[in-house]
Amino acid sequence: AHSNTNMRSYIDGVEKALGRELALRRLAEEKLRDMKEKIESEAKEDGEVEDQNDEISKMKNGTERSSALMKAGASRLIFQILDRKAKAQMGRAFRQWVCTTREGAVVSSQINVAREMAHQLETTKQKLE
């Protein structure tokens, strides 16, 4: 139950971080849109539309790069979450295996002790006869 609470709080933190990143991206896209409109209006006035389109293209490439970085970061984060979960499951499976193996060894040891006691009892019984 404790590990589920920790995992849930960790996931909540990740979701909040992703939410903040998405909000920042929306803000950057709004700024890009505003700048694009401003550049287009100024370009119409100045007659330099081609130069302005190059600037817009550069900004768009920067936004696409930023988007790619965010996607890469998110995929890394998801991989780490799944990797930790797999390691935790592997750890649980290993501990269960160790417990089962230990139980088998204890039972085997008890059987050997019981056989030895039975042998000693038989030997004592033969000596008494």
Foldseek 3Di string as FASTA:
>chain_A
DVVVVVLVVVVVVVVVVVVVVVVVLVVLVVVLVVVLVVLVVVCVVVVPVVVSVVVSVVSVVVSVVVVVVSVVVVVVVVVVSVVVVVVVVVVVVVVVVVVVVVVVVVVVVVVVVVVVVVVVVVVVVVVVD
